[in-house]
Every structure is written in C-alpha cells, then in structure tokens.
Amino acid sequence: MSNSKVYHRVNINGCYPMNNFYLNAISPRLIQQKPSLSSHTKLIKRTRARQLKNSKGFTLIEVMVALTVIAIALASLIKAAGNHTNSAGYLKTKTLAHYVAMNEVTQLQIDKSWPDLGTTNKSSEMAGVEWFWTREVEKTGDESGNIRGLKFTVFLDEDRTRNLAQVQAFITNPAKKATRAATTNTNSSGSGSGK
C-alpha cells in the first residue's frame, strides 16, 4: 500500500467534496493527494505576496518624500503671496503720498499764491488718512527772482521720521506774470493801431 496513491477532486469553488467514492469513481487521477491546511495556507500567502510584489503602489518613504516636497512648495507660495500683499499695500501708500504732494503743488498754482521762502509743516487729508507734509521754498538761479523751487516731502506720521514721497516743482510769481501779460497786450494793441 505504500506505493498506492490516493486521488481527490476539487470542485470549482475550491472545496473538497464529502463523498470520496464519488471522486474516485469519476476522476481518480486528477489530484494526487488532498493538500493539508497548512500547505493550502502557504499557497495563499505565496499568491498574495506575489500579487503585492507585482502591484504598482508607493512605499511609505516615497509618500513621505512627496509630502515633504509639496510642503516646501506650499510654504514658498504662501511666503510669495504674503510679500506680494505687503508690496501692494506699500505701493498704494506711496502712490497716495505722491498724489498729496501733487495736489499741494496744484493748489498753489490754482490759488496763484507766491509762497514765502523757508520751510512750512502742514497736513492734508486724502482717502480718509491724514498726511503730514513739509514744503521747502528756495530761490533758483533766475536773475529776475520770479521763479522759486518747491520741494514737498510727504510723511504718514506726525513726527515726520520716514518720508513716503518727495516732489520737486518750480513756480513763477503770478503777480509778475499778470503784469508782463498786461504789458504785452498793451504793446501789441498799440502797434496794431498805428498801421
């Protein structure tokens, strides 16, 4: 009996039928021996190991490296966005300070005033903010003395520690300009009547 082999048939679901007579009568040579439970478990483990080895997943180290790269990229994007926001606010403030200085120069021209030489400290309001400015009036190299140089420096704080904008302009004496225009008109009308 030592050389005799026992054959069993496995049905489609992988289970062993209860009736050994049925198995031996229909197909006695399909399966040589009924496998033990431990060999069946080993077969399942080997199959699963082969499936895991052939799968295309990421290892834990690869996932951690990817997350590190993403974290560094996001941190630099957030820093760049913050810098852009700060720059936009600073540029808005500088632009408004420049407008304040230009408005003061324009107001002098509209009022046709002749500012005194020296330094004047005042403030103006624009865009709901009080702006502090310093006006310096100096003589120019004009021999007639009808042109003066203006320098407006605008600050956001009352102590005037950090300037935001500085505008230089030149203004002519409106009284001399009006006298010169009247003289020119008189001369041109007199020469026209003599013809």
C-alpha atoms as a PDB file:
ATOM      1  CA  MET A   1       0.000   0.000   0.000  1.00  0.00           C
ATOM      2  CA  SER A   2       2.964   2.264   0.325  1.00  0.00           C
ATOM      3  CA  ASN A   3       3.128   2.754  -3.455  1.00  0.00           C
ATOM      4  CA  SER A   4      -0.561   3.379  -3.907  1.00  0.00           C
ATOM      5  CA  LYS A   5      -1.710   6.930  -4.414  1.00  0.00           C
ATOM      6  CA  VAL A   6      -4.961   8.476  -3.306  1.00  0.00           C
ATOM      7  CA  TYR A   7      -6.585  10.922  -5.705  1.00  0.00           C
ATOM      8  CA  HIS A   8      -9.154  13.556  -4.887  1.00  0.00           C
ATOM      9  CA  ARG A   9     -11.039  16.004  -6.981  1.00  0.00           C
ATOM     10  CA  VAL A  10     -11.524  19.658  -6.050  1.00  0.00           C
ATOM     11  CA  ASN A  11     -14.745  21.282  -7.177  1.00  0.00           C
ATOM     12  CA  ILE A  12     -14.901  24.701  -8.808  1.00  0.00           C
ATOM     13  CA  ASN A  13     -15.235  26.601  -5.529  1.00  0.00           C
ATOM     14  CA  GLY A  14     -12.012  25.125  -4.160  1.00  0.00           C
ATOM     15  CA  CYS A  15     -13.769  22.922  -1.567  1.00  0.00           C
ATOM     16  CA  TYR A  16     -13.337  19.161  -1.196  1.00  0.00           C
ATOM     17  CA  PRO A  17     -16.449  17.052  -1.715  1.00  0.00           C
ATOM     18  CA  MET A  18     -17.605  14.842   1.138  1.00  0.00           C
ATOM     19  CA  ASN A  19     -18.010  11.674  -0.914  1.00  0.00           C
ATOM     20  CA  ASN A  20     -14.631  10.054  -1.666  1.00  0.00           C
ATOM     21  CA  PHE A  21     -16.356   7.315  -3.633  1.00  0.00           C
ATOM     22  CA  TYR A  22     -17.789   9.927  -5.976  1.00  0.00           C
ATOM     23  CA  LEU A  23     -14.329  11.379  -6.521  1.00  0.00           C
ATOM     24  CA  ASN A  24     -12.591   8.063  -7.141  1.00  0.00           C
ATOM     25  CA  ALA A  25     -15.294   6.787  -9.444  1.00  0.00           C
ATOM     26  CA  ILE A  26     -15.432   9.831 -11.745  1.00  0.00           C
ATOM     27  CA  SER A  27     -11.833  11.017 -11.962  1.00  0.00           C
ATOM     28  CA  PRO A  28      -9.389   9.036  -9.866  1.00  0.00           C
ATOM     29  CA  ARG A  29      -6.244  10.701 -11.199  1.00  0.00           C
ATOM     30  CA  LEU A  30      -6.976  14.455 -11.096  1.00  0.00           C
ATOM     31  CA  ILE A  31      -5.366  15.276  -7.767  1.00  0.00           C
ATOM     32  CA  GLN A  32      -2.681  13.114  -6.287  1.00  0.00           C
ATOM     33  CA  GLN A  33      -3.179  13.873  -2.589  1.00  0.00           C
ATOM     34  CA  LYS A  34      -5.508  16.023  -0.606  1.00  0.00           C
ATOM     35  CA  PRO A  35      -3.453  19.002   0.445  1.00  0.00           C
ATOM     36  CA  SER A  36      -3.195  19.756   4.121  1.00  0.00           C
ATOM     37  CA  LEU A  37      -4.498  23.017   5.581  1.00  0.00           C
ATOM     38  CA  SER A  38      -1.004  24.338   6.249  1.00  0.00           C
ATOM     39  CA  SER A  39       0.136  23.826   2.650  1.00  0.00           C
ATOM     40  CA  HIS A  40      -3.062  25.460   1.420  1.00  0.00           C
ATOM     41  CA  THR A  41      -2.405  28.473   3.691  1.00  0.00           C
ATOM     42  CA  LYS A  42       1.176  28.666   2.427  1.00  0.00           C
ATOM     43  CA  LEU A  43      -0.095  28.675  -1.146  1.00  0.00           C
ATOM     44  CA  ILE A  44      -2.482  31.531  -0.398  1.00  0.00           C
ATOM     45  CA  LYS A  45       0.303  33.527   1.326  1.00  0.00           C
ATOM     46  CA  ARG A  46       2.669  32.996  -1.600  1.00  0.00           C
ATOM     47  CA  THR A  47      -0.019  34.090  -4.057  1.00  0.00           C
ATOM     48  CA  ARG A  48      -0.754  37.227  -2.039  1.00  0.00           C
ATOM     49  CA  ALA A  49       2.938  38.011  -1.694  1.00  0.00           C
ATOM     50  CA  ARG A  50       3.346  37.666  -5.456  1.00  0.00           C
ATOM     51  CA  GLN A  51       0.357  39.965  -6.017  1.00  0.00           C
ATOM     52  CA  LEU A  52       1.766  42.585  -3.619  1.00  0.00           C
ATOM     53  CA  LYS A  53       5.170  42.355  -5.244  1.00  0.00           C
ATOM     54  CA  ASN A  54       3.690  42.919  -8.688  1.00  0.00           C
ATOM     55  CA  SER A  55       1.419  45.783  -7.583  1.00  0.00           C
ATOM     56  CA  LYS A  56       2.428  49.324  -8.586  1.00  0.00           C
ATOM     57  CA  GLY A  57       1.933  51.150  -5.252  1.00  0.00           C
ATOM     58  CA  PHE A  58       4.134  53.644  -3.421  1.00  0.00           C
ATOM     59  CA  THR A  59       6.240  52.841  -0.411  1.00  0.00           C
ATOM     60  CA  LEU A  60       5.968  54.842   2.783  1.00  0.00           C
ATOM     61  CA  ILE A  61       9.299  56.576   2.123  1.00  0.00           C
ATOM     62  CA  GLU A  62       8.178  57.675  -1.340  1.00  0.00           C
ATOM     63  CA  VAL A  63       4.960  59.113   0.091  1.00  0.00           C
ATOM     64  CA  MET A  64       6.886  60.978   2.822  1.00  0.00           C
ATOM     65  CA  VAL A  65       9.322  62.453   0.283  1.00  0.00           C
ATOM     66  CA  ALA A  66       6.418  63.583  -1.913  1.00  0.00           C
ATOM     67  CA  LEU A  67       4.666  65.210   1.053  1.00  0.00           C
ATOM     68  CA  THR A  68       7.894  66.997   2.033  1.00  0.00           C
ATOM     69  CA  VAL A  69       8.315  68.417  -1.466  1.00  0.00           C
ATOM     70  CA  ILE A  70       4.681  69.567  -1.510  1.00  0.00           C
ATOM     71  CA  ALA A  71       5.047  71.189   1.939  1.00  0.00           C
ATOM     72  CA  ILE A  72       8.152  73.128   0.862  1.00  0.00           C
ATOM     73  CA  ALA A  73       6.461  74.282  -2.359  1.00  0.00           C
ATOM     74  CA  LEU A  74       3.330  75.426  -0.498  1.00  0.00           C
ATOM     75  CA  ALA A  75       5.388  77.270   2.101  1.00  0.00           C
ATOM     76  CA  SER A  76       7.249  79.205  -0.590  1.00  0.00           C
ATOM     77  CA  LEU A  77       3.972  80.018  -2.374  1.00  0.00           C
ATOM     78  CA  ILE A  78       2.446  81.343   0.840  1.00  0.00           C
ATOM     79  CA  LYS A  79       5.539  83.458   1.509  1.00  0.00           C
ATOM     80  CA  ALA A  80       5.463  84.875  -2.032  1.00  0.00           C
ATOM     81  CA  ALA A  81       1.755  85.705  -1.713  1.00  0.00           C
ATOM     82  CA  GLY A  82       2.408  87.480   1.611  1.00  0.00           C
ATOM     83  CA  ASN A  83       5.246  89.502   0.107  1.00  0.00           C
ATOM     84  CA  HIS A  84       3.038  90.468  -2.819  1.00  0.00           C
ATOM     85  CA  THR A  85       0.290  91.640  -0.470  1.00  0.00           C
ATOM     86  CA  ASN A  86       2.751  93.701   1.578  1.00  0.00           C
ATOM     87  CA  SER A  87       4.223  95.241  -1.568  1.00  0.00           C
ATOM     88  CA  ALA A  88       0.793  96.146  -2.912  1.00  0.00           C
ATOM     89  CA  GLY A  89      -0.131  97.920   0.332  1.00  0.00           C
ATOM     90  CA  TYR A  90       3.168  99.819   0.421  1.00  0.00           C
ATOM     91  CA  LEU A  91       2.832 100.896  -3.220  1.00  0.00           C
ATOM     92  CA  LYS A  92      -0.716 102.106  -2.576  1.00  0.00           C
ATOM     93  CA  THR A  93       0.519 104.224   0.333  1.00  0.00           C
ATOM     94  CA  LYS A  94       3.383 105.681  -1.729  1.00  0.00           C
ATOM     95  CA  THR A  95       1.025 106.489  -4.605  1.00  0.00           C
ATOM     96  CA  LEU A  96      -1.403 108.310  -2.318  1.00  0.00           C
ATOM     97  CA  ALA A  97       1.505 110.246  -0.747  1.00  0.00           C
ATOM     98  CA  HIS A  98       2.630 111.313  -4.234  1.00  0.00           C
ATOM     99  CA  TYR A  99      -0.937 112.477  -5.004  1.00  0.00           C
ATOM    100  CA  VAL A 100      -0.943 114.558  -1.809  1.00  0.00           C
ATOM    101  CA  ALA A 101       2.256 116.350  -2.863  1.00  0.00           C
ATOM    102  CA  MET A 102       0.984 116.926  -6.415  1.00  0.00           C
ATOM    103  CA  ASN A 103      -2.317 118.263  -5.052  1.00  0.00           C
ATOM    104  CA  GLU A 104      -0.450 120.798  -2.919  1.00  0.00           C
ATOM    105  CA  VAL A 105       1.594 121.991  -5.915  1.00  0.00           C
ATOM    106  CA  THR A 106      -1.573 122.257  -7.989  1.00  0.00           C
ATOM    107  CA  GLN A 107      -3.355 124.141  -5.204  1.00  0.00           C
ATOM    108  CA  LEU A 108      -0.555 126.750  -5.177  1.00  0.00           C
ATOM    109  CA  GLN A 109      -0.987 127.209  -8.927  1.00  0.00           C
ATOM    110  CA  ILE A 110      -4.784 127.490  -8.670  1.00  0.00           C
ATOM    111  CA  ASP A 111      -4.619 129.986  -5.802  1.00  0.00           C
ATOM    112  CA  LYS A 112      -1.973 131.962  -7.725  1.00  0.00           C
ATOM    113  CA  SER A 113      -0.107 132.406  -4.483  1.00  0.00           C
ATOM    114  CA  TRP A 114       3.537 133.268  -4.123  1.00  0.00           C
ATOM    115  CA  PRO A 115       4.903 131.149  -1.229  1.00  0.00           C
ATOM    116  CA  ASP A 116       7.413 132.666   1.178  1.00  0.00           C
ATOM    117  CA  LEU A 117      10.938 131.330   1.309  1.00  0.00           C
ATOM    118  CA  GLY A 118      11.604 128.766   4.032  1.00  0.00           C
ATOM    119  CA  THR A 119      10.059 125.604   5.411  1.00  0.00           C
ATOM    120  CA  THR A 120       6.392 125.034   6.198  1.00  0.00           C
ATOM    121  CA  ASN A 121       4.944 121.994   8.013  1.00  0.00           C
ATOM    122  CA  LYS A 122       1.248 121.238   7.481  1.00  0.00           C
ATOM    123  CA  SER A 123      -1.105 118.322   6.888  1.00  0.00           C
ATOM    124  CA  SER A 124      -3.798 117.340   4.391  1.00  0.00           C
ATOM    125  CA  GLU A 125      -6.443 114.649   4.295  1.00  0.00           C
ATOM    126  CA  MET A 126      -6.828 112.219   1.428  1.00  0.00           C
ATOM    127  CA  ALA A 127      -8.522 108.798   1.214  1.00  0.00           C
ATOM    128  CA  GLY A 128      -9.592 109.055   4.850  1.00  0.00           C
ATOM    129  CA  VAL A 129      -5.992 109.415   6.055  1.00  0.00           C
ATOM    130  CA  GLU A 130      -4.212 112.470   7.408  1.00  0.00           C
ATOM    131  CA  TRP A 131      -0.942 113.047   5.559  1.00  0.00           C
ATOM    132  CA  PHE A 132       1.774 115.276   7.012  1.00  0.00           C
ATOM    133  CA  TRP A 133       3.929 117.218   4.600  1.00  0.00           C
ATOM    134  CA  THR A 134       6.831 119.623   4.611  1.00  0.00           C
ATOM    135  CA  ARG A 135       7.190 122.336   1.966  1.00  0.00           C
ATOM    136  CA  GLU A 136      10.605 123.878   1.350  1.00  0.00           C
ATOM    137  CA  VAL A 137      10.713 127.006  -0.828  1.00  0.00           C
ATOM    138  CA  GLU A 138      14.083 128.138  -2.178  1.00  0.00           C
ATOM    139  CA  LYS A 139      15.388 130.691  -4.630  1.00  0.00           C
ATOM    140  CA  THR A 140      16.504 129.465  -8.006  1.00  0.00           C
ATOM    141  CA  GLY A 141      19.240 130.750 -10.257  1.00  0.00           C
ATOM    142  CA  ASP A 142      16.782 133.040 -12.052  1.00  0.00           C
ATOM    143  CA  GLU A 143      18.130 136.604 -12.044  1.00  0.00           C
ATOM    144  CA  SER A 144      14.695 138.202 -12.018  1.00  0.00           C
ATOM    145  CA  GLY A 145      13.666 136.285  -8.883  1.00  0.00           C
ATOM    146  CA  ASN A 146      10.317 135.341 -10.430  1.00  0.00           C
ATOM    147  CA  ILE A 147      10.867 131.564 -10.163  1.00  0.00           C
ATOM    148  CA  ARG A 148      11.063 129.629  -6.905  1.00  0.00           C
ATOM    149  CA  GLY A 149      11.827 125.995  -6.308  1.00  0.00           C
ATOM    150  CA  LEU A 150       9.407 123.913  -4.224  1.00  0.00           C
ATOM    151  CA  LYS A 151      10.123 120.604  -2.559  1.00  0.00           C
ATOM    152  CA  PHE A 152       7.224 118.733  -0.962  1.00  0.00           C
ATOM    153  CA  THR A 153       8.021 115.781   1.297  1.00  0.00           C
ATOM    154  CA  VAL A 154       5.064 113.689   2.489  1.00  0.00           C
ATOM    155  CA  PHE A 155       5.012 111.613   5.671  1.00  0.00           C
ATOM    156  CA  LEU A 156       2.455 109.290   7.223  1.00  0.00           C
ATOM    157  CA  ASP A 157       3.448 110.038  10.821  1.00  0.00           C
ATOM    158  CA  GLU A 158       3.290 113.389  12.558  1.00  0.00           C
ATOM    159  CA  ASP A 159       6.905 113.120  13.726  1.00  0.00           C
ATOM    160  CA  ARG A 160       7.971 113.133  10.058  1.00  0.00           C
ATOM    161  CA  THR A 161      10.519 110.336  10.501  1.00  0.00           C
ATOM    162  CA  ARG A 162      10.047 108.362   7.271  1.00  0.00           C
ATOM    163  CA  ASN A 163       9.102 110.050   4.045  1.00  0.00           C
ATOM    164  CA  LEU A 164       6.884 108.275   1.518  1.00  0.00           C
ATOM    165  CA  ALA A 165       7.067 110.679  -1.406  1.00  0.00           C
ATOM    166  CA  GLN A 166       9.040 113.702  -2.480  1.00  0.00           C
ATOM    167  CA  VAL A 167       8.035 116.049  -5.306  1.00  0.00           C
ATOM    168  CA  GLN A 168      10.050 118.956  -6.660  1.00  0.00           C
ATOM    169  CA  ALA A 169       8.427 121.693  -8.708  1.00  0.00           C
ATOM    170  CA  PHE A 170       9.014 125.248  -9.844  1.00  0.00           C
ATOM    171  CA  ILE A 171       6.519 128.065  -9.581  1.00  0.00           C
ATOM    172  CA  THR A 172       6.546 131.513 -11.149  1.00  0.00           C
ATOM    173  CA  ASN A 173       5.388 134.710  -9.481  1.00  0.00           C
ATOM    174  CA  PRO A 174       1.751 135.138 -10.595  1.00  0.00           C
ATOM    175  CA  ALA A 175       1.840 138.941  -9.987  1.00  0.00           C
ATOM    176  CA  LYS A 176       4.805 139.416 -12.330  1.00  0.00           C
ATOM    177  CA  LYS A 177       3.218 137.079 -14.854  1.00  0.00           C
ATOM    178  CA  ALA A 178      -0.002 139.136 -14.893  1.00  0.00           C
ATOM    179  CA  THR A 179       1.953 142.415 -15.209  1.00  0.00           C
ATOM    180  CA  ARG A 180       4.025 141.030 -18.059  1.00  0.00           C
ATOM    181  CA  ALA A 181       0.890 139.742 -19.842  1.00  0.00           C
ATOM    182  CA  ALA A 182      -0.796 143.147 -19.499  1.00  0.00           C
ATOM    183  CA  THR A 183       2.301 144.888 -20.847  1.00  0.00           C
ATOM    184  CA  THR A 184       2.450 142.501 -23.801  1.00  0.00           C
ATOM    185  CA  ASN A 185      -1.229 143.083 -24.592  1.00  0.00           C
ATOM    186  CA  THR A 186      -0.788 146.881 -24.445  1.00  0.00           C
ATOM    187  CA  ASN A 187       2.222 146.764 -26.763  1.00  0.00           C
ATOM    188  CA  SER A 188       0.513 144.530 -29.318  1.00  0.00           C
ATOM    189  CA  SER A 189      -2.679 146.602 -29.391  1.00  0.00           C
ATOM    190  CA  GLY A 190      -0.690 149.881 -29.722  1.00  0.00           C
ATOM    191  CA  SER A 191       1.375 148.586 -32.624  1.00  0.00           C
ATOM    192  CA  GLY A 192      -1.757 147.376 -34.356  1.00  0.00           C
ATOM    193  CA  SER A 193      -3.473 150.820 -34.205  1.00  0.00           C
ATOM    194  CA  GLY A 194      -0.506 152.634 -35.762  1.00  0.00           C
ATOM    195  CA  LYS A 195      -0.880 150.862 -39.091  1.00  0.00           C
END
